[in-house]
């Protein structure tokens, strides 16, 4: 018996609003690959971490099966799945959304102090906090907290309450992989920028100059997602050079100038730099 009454009807309604959907079987997991796709014979898109929709006519390949096409949702190939489905899932990244999945009361308490308020949806044990904007998914970003967006799925548990906020840098920082232990050396930069503390010990001054030039180019060439590109670029520069004291005001000003030339404000540059430092424990 389905936990969601008439899951196919729910799926059609969500798809009509632009939310890619897929059925979940008992255990709240996607349906397994069909015979033609068993053992990744077809290349197994999500299993191979390849973005894009599933090309199989059945609800195959997990998150990549999610669709907004009514003809697919009501097709004979999906009929058996809907008869067995216990609930509906959706692909947050495909809808331009990010779900911060809070598994328990402690995680919820943390979110209320660390993240801006947004639309919330109650879950069995916790809450989903939903933001407008997509990014890479990542599990266990902190105790009881997962991020579900691109190449992931989340259960549909209702529209929730509250006004949906824009994806904040605090959540983007959580989705960034932790730096390697070697890069977590003691921090020697007490302020946002501190110059004149010696050469970069990683290689040579030329290595730092090349890194700054590449960072400027990355920002300048961004054709979309400029906000996210600026943050990720700042994060990359700091993770490589921010702990050795080699960055000067001039280096950082070059990065800020490149970002502002792409339309970013000075305040956003400062916030993104600060958030990147925080994400790296600096």
C-alpha atoms as a PDB file:
ATOM      1  CA  UNK A   1       0.000   0.000   0.000  1.00  0.00           C
ATOM      2  CA  UNK A   2       1.360   3.412  -0.898  1.00  0.00           C
ATOM      3  CA  UNK A   3       2.358   5.788   1.902  1.00  0.00           C
ATOM      4  CA  UNK A   4       1.507   8.662  -0.445  1.00  0.00           C
ATOM      5  CA  UNK A   5      -2.106   8.351  -1.687  1.00  0.00           C
ATOM      6  CA  UNK A   6      -2.180   8.306  -5.485  1.00  0.00           C
ATOM      7  CA  UNK A   7       1.578   8.914  -5.943  1.00  0.00           C
ATOM      8  CA  UNK A   8       1.179   9.167  -9.699  1.00  0.00           C
ATOM      9  CA  UNK A   9      -1.271  12.060  -9.290  1.00  0.00           C
ATOM     10  CA  UNK A  10       1.170  13.798  -6.965  1.00  0.00           C
ATOM     11  CA  UNK A  11       3.955  13.249  -9.485  1.00  0.00           C
ATOM     12  CA  UNK A  12       1.922  14.755 -12.333  1.00  0.00           C
ATOM     13  CA  UNK A  13       1.108  17.818 -10.240  1.00  0.00           C
ATOM     14  CA  UNK A  14       4.760  18.377  -9.333  1.00  0.00           C
ATOM     15  CA  UNK A  15       5.911  17.826 -12.908  1.00  0.00           C
ATOM     16  CA  UNK A  16       3.437  20.441 -14.104  1.00  0.00           C
ATOM     17  CA  UNK A  17       5.194  22.957 -11.847  1.00  0.00           C
ATOM     18  CA  UNK A  18       8.614  22.080 -13.266  1.00  0.00           C
ATOM     19  CA  UNK A  19       9.789  19.671 -10.561  1.00  0.00           C
ATOM     20  CA  UNK A  20      11.390  16.453 -11.942  1.00  0.00           C
ATOM     21  CA  UNK A  21       9.883  13.419 -10.190  1.00  0.00           C
ATOM     22  CA  UNK A  22      10.391   9.673  -9.835  1.00  0.00           C
ATOM     23  CA  UNK A  23       8.687   6.868  -7.865  1.00  0.00           C
ATOM     24  CA  UNK A  24      10.259   5.282  -4.776  1.00  0.00           C
ATOM     25  CA  UNK A  25       9.654   1.675  -3.770  1.00  0.00           C
ATOM     26  CA  UNK A  26       9.452   0.236  -0.256  1.00  0.00           C
ATOM     27  CA  UNK A  27      12.438   1.341   1.755  1.00  0.00           C
ATOM     28  CA  UNK A  28      12.106   4.737   0.091  1.00  0.00           C
ATOM     29  CA  UNK A  29      14.709   3.897  -2.547  1.00  0.00           C
ATOM     30  CA  UNK A  30      14.535   4.144  -6.359  1.00  0.00           C
ATOM     31  CA  UNK A  31      13.561   1.173  -8.466  1.00  0.00           C
ATOM     32  CA  UNK A  32      16.427  -1.013  -9.617  1.00  0.00           C
ATOM     33  CA  UNK A  33      17.776  -0.943 -13.131  1.00  0.00           C
ATOM     34  CA  UNK A  34      15.725  -2.816 -15.725  1.00  0.00           C
ATOM     35  CA  UNK A  35      17.044  -5.989 -17.337  1.00  0.00           C
ATOM     36  CA  UNK A  36      18.501  -4.067 -20.267  1.00  0.00           C
ATOM     37  CA  UNK A  37      20.473  -1.875 -17.863  1.00  0.00           C
ATOM     38  CA  UNK A  38      21.415  -4.520 -15.279  1.00  0.00           C
ATOM     39  CA  UNK A  39      25.032  -4.467 -14.116  1.00  0.00           C
ATOM     40  CA  UNK A  40      25.502  -1.107 -15.840  1.00  0.00           C
ATOM     41  CA  UNK A  41      25.306  -2.707 -19.280  1.00  0.00           C
ATOM     42  CA  UNK A  42      24.070   0.628 -20.611  1.00  0.00           C
ATOM     43  CA  UNK A  43      26.650   2.747 -18.821  1.00  0.00           C
ATOM     44  CA  UNK A  44      24.497   3.448 -15.757  1.00  0.00           C
ATOM     45  CA  UNK A  45      24.362   7.240 -15.771  1.00  0.00           C
ATOM     46  CA  UNK A  46      24.089   8.099 -12.070  1.00  0.00           C
ATOM     47  CA  UNK A  47      26.135   5.092 -11.062  1.00  0.00           C
ATOM     48  CA  UNK A  48      28.898   6.455 -13.268  1.00  0.00           C
ATOM     49  CA  UNK A  49      28.327   9.974 -11.874  1.00  0.00           C
ATOM     50  CA  UNK A  50      27.330  11.320 -15.273  1.00  0.00           C
ATOM     51  CA  UNK A  51      24.856  14.224 -15.143  1.00  0.00           C
ATOM     52  CA  UNK A  52      21.813  14.148 -17.341  1.00  0.00           C
ATOM     53  CA  UNK A  53      18.482  12.367 -17.681  1.00  0.00           C
ATOM     54  CA  UNK A  54      18.027   8.629 -17.933  1.00  0.00           C
ATOM     55  CA  UNK A  55      17.357   7.389 -21.478  1.00  0.00           C
ATOM     56  CA  UNK A  56      15.653   4.184 -20.370  1.00  0.00           C
ATOM     57  CA  UNK A  57      11.835   4.102 -20.794  1.00  0.00           C
ATOM     58  CA  UNK A  58      11.436   2.634 -17.279  1.00  0.00           C
ATOM     59  CA  UNK A  59      12.082   4.560 -14.019  1.00  0.00           C
ATOM     60  CA  UNK A  60      15.663   3.328 -14.083  1.00  0.00           C
ATOM     61  CA  UNK A  61      18.957   4.782 -12.769  1.00  0.00           C
ATOM     62  CA  UNK A  62      17.815   6.502  -9.599  1.00  0.00           C
ATOM     63  CA  UNK A  63      17.833  10.302  -9.598  1.00  0.00           C
ATOM     64  CA  UNK A  64      18.476  10.449 -13.359  1.00  0.00           C
ATOM     65  CA  UNK A  65      15.057   8.914 -14.010  1.00  0.00           C
ATOM     66  CA  UNK A  66      13.365  12.040 -12.624  1.00  0.00           C
ATOM     67  CA  UNK A  67      11.260  13.725 -15.293  1.00  0.00           C
ATOM     68  CA  UNK A  68       8.766  16.522 -15.844  1.00  0.00           C
ATOM     69  CA  UNK A  69       7.254  14.844 -18.925  1.00  0.00           C
ATOM     70  CA  UNK A  70       3.618  13.769 -18.284  1.00  0.00           C
ATOM     71  CA  UNK A  71       3.800  11.276 -21.147  1.00  0.00           C
ATOM     72  CA  UNK A  72       6.637   9.447 -19.400  1.00  0.00           C
ATOM     73  CA  UNK A  73       4.965   9.533 -15.983  1.00  0.00           C
ATOM     74  CA  UNK A  74       1.793   7.881 -17.331  1.00  0.00           C
ATOM     75  CA  UNK A  75       3.569   5.563 -19.774  1.00  0.00           C
ATOM     76  CA  UNK A  76       3.155   1.770 -19.624  1.00  0.00           C
ATOM     77  CA  UNK A  77       6.865   1.459 -18.802  1.00  0.00           C
ATOM     78  CA  UNK A  78       6.266   3.334 -15.537  1.00  0.00           C
ATOM     79  CA  UNK A  79       2.900   1.748 -14.714  1.00  0.00           C
ATOM     80  CA  UNK A  80       4.268  -1.214 -12.738  1.00  0.00           C
ATOM     81  CA  UNK A  81       6.509   1.102 -10.734  1.00  0.00           C
ATOM     82  CA  UNK A  82       3.624   3.344  -9.726  1.00  0.00           C
ATOM     83  CA  UNK A  83       1.622   0.316  -8.577  1.00  0.00           C
ATOM     84  CA  UNK A  84       4.465  -0.600  -6.218  1.00  0.00           C
ATOM     85  CA  UNK A  85       5.512   2.924  -5.264  1.00  0.00           C
ATOM     86  CA  UNK A  86       5.241   3.992  -1.631  1.00  0.00           C
ATOM     87  CA  UNK A  87       6.025   7.663  -2.253  1.00  0.00           C
ATOM     88  CA  UNK A  88       7.244  10.254  -4.738  1.00  0.00           C
ATOM     89  CA  UNK A  89      10.744  11.666  -4.889  1.00  0.00           C
ATOM     90  CA  UNK A  90      12.105  14.639  -6.804  1.00  0.00           C
ATOM     91  CA  UNK A  91      15.445  15.816  -8.138  1.00  0.00           C
ATOM     92  CA  UNK A  92      16.140  19.110  -6.293  1.00  0.00           C
ATOM     93  CA  UNK A  93      19.007  20.147  -8.558  1.00  0.00           C
ATOM     94  CA  UNK A  94      16.836  19.637 -11.619  1.00  0.00           C
ATOM     95  CA  UNK A  95      14.306  22.026 -10.130  1.00  0.00           C
ATOM     96  CA  UNK A  96      16.990  24.588  -9.252  1.00  0.00           C
ATOM     97  CA  UNK A  97      16.729  23.790  -5.545  1.00  0.00           C
ATOM     98  CA  UNK A  98      18.910  22.592  -2.678  1.00  0.00           C
ATOM     99  CA  UNK A  99      17.599  20.560   0.257  1.00  0.00           C
ATOM    100  CA  UNK A 100      19.466  20.698   3.559  1.00  0.00           C
ATOM    101  CA  UNK A 101      18.365  17.430   5.168  1.00  0.00           C
ATOM    102  CA  UNK A 102      18.409  17.741   8.963  1.00  0.00           C
ATOM    103  CA  UNK A 103      18.094  14.307  10.546  1.00  0.00           C
ATOM    104  CA  UNK A 104      17.509  15.118  14.201  1.00  0.00           C
ATOM    105  CA  UNK A 105      16.788  17.775  16.804  1.00  0.00           C
ATOM    106  CA  UNK A 106      20.464  18.649  17.251  1.00  0.00           C
ATOM    107  CA  UNK A 107      20.870  19.275  13.516  1.00  0.00           C
ATOM    108  CA  UNK A 108      17.749  21.459  13.497  1.00  0.00           C
ATOM    109  CA  UNK A 109      19.043  23.459  16.458  1.00  0.00           C
ATOM    110  CA  UNK A 110      22.343  24.002  14.629  1.00  0.00           C
ATOM    111  CA  UNK A 111      20.565  25.154  11.446  1.00  0.00           C
ATOM    112  CA  UNK A 112      18.484  27.697  13.340  1.00  0.00           C
ATOM    113  CA  UNK A 113      21.640  29.449  14.486  1.00  0.00           C
ATOM    114  CA  UNK A 114      23.875  28.888  11.430  1.00  0.00           C
ATOM    115  CA  UNK A 115      21.586  29.195   8.388  1.00  0.00           C
ATOM    116  CA  UNK A 116      19.115  31.821   7.168  1.00  0.00           C
ATOM    117  CA  UNK A 117      15.439  30.976   7.545  1.00  0.00           C
ATOM    118  CA  UNK A 118      13.792  29.425   4.512  1.00  0.00           C
ATOM    119  CA  UNK A 119      10.976  27.051   3.583  1.00  0.00           C
ATOM    120  CA  UNK A 120      10.902  24.013   5.878  1.00  0.00           C
ATOM    121  CA  UNK A 121       9.252  20.620   5.523  1.00  0.00           C
ATOM    122  CA  UNK A 122       8.860  18.197   8.454  1.00  0.00           C
ATOM    123  CA  UNK A 123      10.365  14.726   7.961  1.00  0.00           C
ATOM    124  CA  UNK A 124      10.063  11.548  10.013  1.00  0.00           C
ATOM    125  CA  UNK A 125      12.892  12.533  12.350  1.00  0.00           C
ATOM    126  CA  UNK A 126      13.795  16.083  11.416  1.00  0.00           C
ATOM    127  CA  UNK A 127      13.275  18.708   8.721  1.00  0.00           C
ATOM    128  CA  UNK A 128      14.134  19.594   5.128  1.00  0.00           C
ATOM    129  CA  UNK A 129      15.264  23.205   4.666  1.00  0.00           C
ATOM    130  CA  UNK A 130      14.811  24.159   1.011  1.00  0.00           C
ATOM    131  CA  UNK A 131      16.731  26.955  -0.716  1.00  0.00           C
ATOM    132  CA  UNK A 132      16.476  28.427  -4.211  1.00  0.00           C
ATOM    133  CA  UNK A 133      19.623  27.509  -6.124  1.00  0.00           C
ATOM    134  CA  UNK A 134      21.481  24.304  -6.980  1.00  0.00           C
ATOM    135  CA  UNK A 135      24.937  22.957  -6.174  1.00  0.00           C
ATOM    136  CA  UNK A 136      26.809  19.671  -5.807  1.00  0.00           C
ATOM    137  CA  UNK A 137      25.269  17.245  -3.322  1.00  0.00           C
ATOM    138  CA  UNK A 138      27.212  15.938  -0.359  1.00  0.00           C
ATOM    139  CA  UNK A 139      26.299  13.675   2.550  1.00  0.00           C
ATOM    140  CA  UNK A 140      27.369  13.981   6.166  1.00  0.00           C
ATOM    141  CA  UNK A 141      28.624  17.555   5.887  1.00  0.00           C
ATOM    142  CA  UNK A 142      28.273  17.663   9.668  1.00  0.00           C
ATOM    143  CA  UNK A 143      26.501  15.400  12.201  1.00  0.00           C
ATOM    144  CA  UNK A 144      22.944  14.754  11.046  1.00  0.00           C
ATOM    145  CA  UNK A 145      23.178  17.026   7.994  1.00  0.00           C
ATOM    146  CA  UNK A 146      23.130  16.053   4.297  1.00  0.00           C
ATOM    147  CA  UNK A 147      22.909  18.294   1.228  1.00  0.00           C
ATOM    148  CA  UNK A 148      20.714  17.082  -1.632  1.00  0.00           C
ATOM    149  CA  UNK A 149      20.701  18.991  -4.892  1.00  0.00           C
ATOM    150  CA  UNK A 150      22.433  17.989  -8.149  1.00  0.00           C
ATOM    151  CA  UNK A 151      22.607  14.249  -8.882  1.00  0.00           C
ATOM    152  CA  UNK A 152      20.503  13.350  -5.830  1.00  0.00           C
ATOM    153  CA  UNK A 153      16.866  12.856  -4.891  1.00  0.00           C
ATOM    154  CA  UNK A 154      14.704  13.826  -1.937  1.00  0.00           C
ATOM    155  CA  UNK A 155      11.327  12.538  -0.835  1.00  0.00           C
ATOM    156  CA  UNK A 156       8.362  14.782  -1.551  1.00  0.00           C
ATOM    157  CA  UNK A 157       6.783  15.426   1.852  1.00  0.00           C
ATOM    158  CA  UNK A 158       4.588  18.377   0.993  1.00  0.00           C
ATOM    159  CA  UNK A 159       5.076  22.027   0.061  1.00  0.00           C
ATOM    160  CA  UNK A 160       6.303  23.059   3.514  1.00  0.00           C
ATOM    161  CA  UNK A 161       5.963  26.419   5.222  1.00  0.00           C
ATOM    162  CA  UNK A 162       7.833  29.697   5.004  1.00  0.00           C
ATOM    163  CA  UNK A 163       9.344  31.788   2.233  1.00  0.00           C
ATOM    164  CA  UNK A 164      12.061  30.081   0.217  1.00  0.00           C
ATOM    165  CA  UNK A 165      15.365  31.931   0.533  1.00  0.00           C
ATOM    166  CA  UNK A 166      18.215  32.133  -1.960  1.00  0.00           C
ATOM    167  CA  UNK A 167      20.937  29.549  -1.419  1.00  0.00           C
ATOM    168  CA  UNK A 168      23.394  31.142   1.050  1.00  0.00           C
ATOM    169  CA  UNK A 169      27.172  30.905   1.010  1.00  0.00           C
ATOM    170  CA  UNK A 170      26.973  29.083   4.351  1.00  0.00           C
ATOM    171  CA  UNK A 171      25.353  26.123   2.589  1.00  0.00           C
ATOM    172  CA  UNK A 172      27.731  26.343  -0.382  1.00  0.00           C
ATOM    173  CA  UNK A 173      30.616  26.117   2.063  1.00  0.00           C
ATOM    174  CA  UNK A 174      29.193  22.941   3.567  1.00  0.00           C
ATOM    175  CA  UNK A 175      29.094  21.282   0.138  1.00  0.00           C
ATOM    176  CA  UNK A 176      32.805  21.880  -0.456  1.00  0.00           C
ATOM    177  CA  UNK A 177      34.952  18.848   0.299  1.00  0.00           C
ATOM    178  CA  UNK A 178      37.212  19.139   3.310  1.00  0.00           C
ATOM    179  CA  UNK A 179      40.806  20.027   2.468  1.00  0.00           C
ATOM    180  CA  UNK A 180      43.390  17.296   2.882  1.00  0.00           C
ATOM    181  CA  UNK A 181      45.012  16.978   6.330  1.00  0.00           C
ATOM    182  CA  UNK A 182      48.252  18.393   4.913  1.00  0.00           C
ATOM    183  CA  UNK A 183      46.524  21.669   4.040  1.00  0.00           C
ATOM    184  CA  UNK A 184      45.136  22.066   7.550  1.00  0.00           C
ATOM    185  CA  UNK A 185      48.373  23.419   8.966  1.00  0.00           C
ATOM    186  CA  UNK A 186      48.175  26.022  11.764  1.00  0.00           C
ATOM    187  CA  UNK A 187      46.676  29.252  10.500  1.00  0.00           C
ATOM    188  CA  UNK A 188      49.046  32.203  10.376  1.00  0.00           C
ATOM    189  CA  UNK A 189      46.658  34.778   8.928  1.00  0.00           C
ATOM    190  CA  UNK A 190      44.914  36.532  11.831  1.00  0.00           C
ATOM    191  CA  UNK A 191      43.045  38.904   9.513  1.00  0.00           C
ATOM    192  CA  UNK A 192      41.340  38.744   6.110  1.00  0.00           C
ATOM    193  CA  UNK A 193      44.638  39.678   4.411  1.00  0.00           C
ATOM    194  CA  UNK A 194      48.121  39.907   5.865  1.00  0.00           C
ATOM    195  CA  UNK A 195      50.985  40.619   3.489  1.00  0.00           C
ATOM    196  CA  UNK A 196      54.773  40.547   3.729  1.00  0.00           C
ATOM    197  CA  UNK A 197      55.079  37.234   5.568  1.00  0.00           C
ATOM    198  CA  UNK A 198      57.484  35.499   3.222  1.00  0.00           C
ATOM    199  CA  UNK A 199      57.474  33.295   0.151  1.00  0.00           C
ATOM    200  CA  UNK A 200      54.959  30.541  -0.492  1.00  0.00           C
ATOM    201  CA  UNK A 201      56.542  27.368   0.954  1.00  0.00           C
ATOM    202  CA  UNK A 202      54.574  25.109  -1.403  1.00  0.00           C
ATOM    203  CA  UNK A 203      56.837  25.928  -4.375  1.00  0.00           C
ATOM    204  CA  UNK A 204      57.996  29.394  -5.471  1.00  0.00           C
ATOM    205  CA  UNK A 205      56.633  32.954  -5.795  1.00  0.00           C
ATOM    206  CA  UNK A 206      56.078  32.189  -9.477  1.00  0.00           C
ATOM    207  CA  UNK A 207      53.731  29.371  -8.449  1.00  0.00           C
ATOM    208  CA  UNK A 208      51.618  31.830  -6.458  1.00  0.00           C
ATOM    209  CA  UNK A 209      51.580  34.363  -9.314  1.00  0.00           C
ATOM    210  CA  UNK A 210      50.476  31.671 -11.739  1.00  0.00           C
ATOM    211  CA  UNK A 211      47.756  30.567  -9.326  1.00  0.00           C
ATOM    212  CA  UNK A 212      46.393  34.107  -8.933  1.00  0.00           C
ATOM    213  CA  UNK A 213      46.405  34.622 -12.711  1.00  0.00           C
ATOM    214  CA  UNK A 214      44.522  31.352 -13.238  1.00  0.00           C
ATOM    215  CA  UNK A 215      42.008  32.347 -10.577  1.00  0.00           C
ATOM    216  CA  UNK A 216      41.428  35.705 -12.283  1.00  0.00           C
ATOM    217  CA  UNK A 217      40.924  33.912 -15.594  1.00  0.00           C
ATOM    218  CA  UNK A 218      38.459  31.440 -14.064  1.00  0.00           C
ATOM    219  CA  UNK A 219      36.315  34.274 -12.738  1.00  0.00           C
ATOM    220  CA  UNK A 220      36.580  36.329 -15.928  1.00  0.00           C
ATOM    221  CA  UNK A 221      35.562  33.414 -18.157  1.00  0.00           C
ATOM    222  CA  UNK A 222      32.528  32.417 -16.057  1.00  0.00           C
ATOM    223  CA  UNK A 223      29.469  32.529 -18.307  1.00  0.00           C
ATOM    224  CA  UNK A 224      26.970  31.513 -15.620  1.00  0.00           C
ATOM    225  CA  UNK A 225      26.794  30.895 -11.866  1.00  0.00           C
ATOM    226  CA  UNK A 226      29.204  33.795 -11.319  1.00  0.00           C
ATOM    227  CA  UNK A 227      28.332  34.020  -7.634  1.00  0.00           C
ATOM    228  CA  UNK A 228      29.245  30.366  -7.067  1.00  0.00           C
ATOM    229  CA  UNK A 229      32.336  30.577  -9.287  1.00  0.00           C
ATOM    230  CA  UNK A 230      33.702  33.515  -7.293  1.00  0.00           C
ATOM    231  CA  UNK A 231      33.215  31.680  -4.017  1.00  0.00           C
ATOM    232  CA  UNK A 232      34.773  28.438  -5.267  1.00  0.00           C
ATOM    233  CA  UNK A 233      37.718  30.341  -6.735  1.00  0.00           C
ATOM    234  CA  UNK A 234      38.342  32.183  -3.467  1.00  0.00           C
ATOM    235  CA  UNK A 235      38.126  28.855  -1.664  1.00  0.00           C
ATOM    236  CA  UNK A 236      40.661  27.265  -4.004  1.00  0.00           C
ATOM    237  CA  UNK A 237      43.139  30.138  -3.624  1.00  0.00           C
ATOM    238  CA  UNK A 238      42.864  30.127   0.159  1.00  0.00           C
ATOM    239  CA  UNK A 239      43.145  26.359   0.449  1.00  0.00           C
ATOM    240  CA  UNK A 240      46.385  26.427  -1.548  1.00  0.00           C
ATOM    241  CA  UNK A 241      48.032  29.644  -0.377  1.00  0.00           C
ATOM    242  CA  UNK A 242      46.043  31.056   2.530  1.00  0.00           C
ATOM    243  CA  UNK A 243      47.861  29.321   5.368  1.00  0.00           C
ATOM    244  CA  UNK A 244      51.437  30.250   4.529  1.00  0.00           C
ATOM    245  CA  UNK A 245      51.181  34.026   4.756  1.00  0.00           C
ATOM    246  CA  UNK A 246      52.095  34.612   1.117  1.00  0.00           C
ATOM    247  CA  UNK A 247      48.889  36.361   0.041  1.00  0.00           C
ATOM    248  CA  UNK A 248      49.092  40.133   0.000  1.00  0.00           C
ATOM    249  CA  UNK A 249      46.487  42.873  -0.267  1.00  0.00           C
ATOM    250  CA  UNK A 250      47.474  43.230  -3.927  1.00  0.00           C
ATOM    251  CA  UNK A 251      46.762  39.576  -4.679  1.00  0.00           C
ATOM    252  CA  UNK A 252      43.336  39.712  -3.055  1.00  0.00           C
ATOM    253  CA  UNK A 253      42.510  43.026  -4.714  1.00  0.00           C
ATOM    254  CA  UNK A 254      43.170  41.402  -8.102  1.00  0.00           C
ATOM    255  CA  UNK A 255      40.649  38.676  -7.303  1.00  0.00           C
ATOM    256  CA  UNK A 256      38.078  41.186  -6.034  1.00  0.00           C
ATOM    257  CA  UNK A 257      38.564  43.331  -9.142  1.00  0.00           C
ATOM    258  CA  UNK A 258      37.967  40.352 -11.442  1.00  0.00           C
ATOM    259  CA  UNK A 259      34.807  39.448  -9.511  1.00  0.00           C
ATOM    260  CA  UNK A 260      33.448  42.994  -9.565  1.00  0.00           C
ATOM    261  CA  UNK A 261      34.067  43.188 -13.315  1.00  0.00           C
ATOM    262  CA  UNK A 262      31.611  40.286 -13.606  1.00  0.00           C
ATOM    263  CA  UNK A 263      28.968  42.208 -11.648  1.00  0.00           C
ATOM    264  CA  UNK A 264      29.693  41.112  -8.077  1.00  0.00           C
ATOM    265  CA  UNK A 265      29.489  43.774  -5.382  1.00  0.00           C
ATOM    266  CA  UNK A 266      32.357  44.651  -3.069  1.00  0.00           C
ATOM    267  CA  UNK A 267      30.256  43.409  -0.151  1.00  0.00           C
ATOM    268  CA  UNK A 268      29.685  40.052  -1.802  1.00  0.00           C
ATOM    269  CA  UNK A 269      33.401  39.710  -2.478  1.00  0.00           C
ATOM    270  CA  UNK A 270      34.158  40.367   1.173  1.00  0.00           C
ATOM    271  CA  UNK A 271      31.441  37.966   2.336  1.00  0.00           C
ATOM    272  CA  UNK A 272      32.576  35.233  -0.077  1.00  0.00           C
ATOM    273  CA  UNK A 273      36.199  35.632   1.066  1.00  0.00           C
ATOM    274  CA  UNK A 274      35.174  35.476   4.725  1.00  0.00           C
ATOM    275  CA  UNK A 275      32.949  32.454   4.150  1.00  0.00           C
ATOM    276  CA  UNK A 276      35.726  30.650   2.292  1.00  0.00           C
ATOM    277  CA  UNK A 277      38.087  31.263   5.190  1.00  0.00           C
ATOM    278  CA  UNK A 278      35.458  29.979   7.611  1.00  0.00           C
ATOM    279  CA  UNK A 279      34.879  26.843   5.525  1.00  0.00           C
ATOM    280  CA  UNK A 280      38.602  26.087   5.700  1.00  0.00           C
ATOM    281  CA  UNK A 281      38.773  26.724   9.440  1.00  0.00           C
ATOM    282  CA  UNK A 282      40.914  29.801   9.016  1.00  0.00           C
END
